[in-house]
Amino acid sequence: MENRWTHKDFVIRDALKPGSKHFQYFFVVSEGEKKKCRYCVWIDDDVLSRFDPSRNFEAIVSANRAEWLQWVKEKLEKEDFRDVVLKFEEEGQKEFDLARMEEKVSMEG
């Protein structure tokens, strides 16, 4: 299910990547009709159980979405309009430029 909300002059749509076997949750930021940037939360398969023992994507979103919304708002407040991934790995969480990711991610299925 896609959510739609606003912050300042931006419209943000967020949802799980459709049909993905891996946890990828996207925030697509638009200003008017123009896409401004994308933010993605990516959770590596080997740490999914830390978020939910059953590895249920919907339960993970439900429990963590408010925190991720705050991350997106902070990015927008800082005018950080890069395409960014917040990746949760065995070593912890890190931010990456989406364009520099080895594994390309997109909101499309």
Foldseek 3Di string as FASTA:
>chain_A
DWDWDDDDQKIWIWDFQPPDPFTKIKIFIARVPHTQEMEIEGEDPVCLCVQPVVSDNVSSCVVCVVVVVVVVNVCVVVVVRFHKYFYQDPVGTDIDGQVPDPDHDDSHD
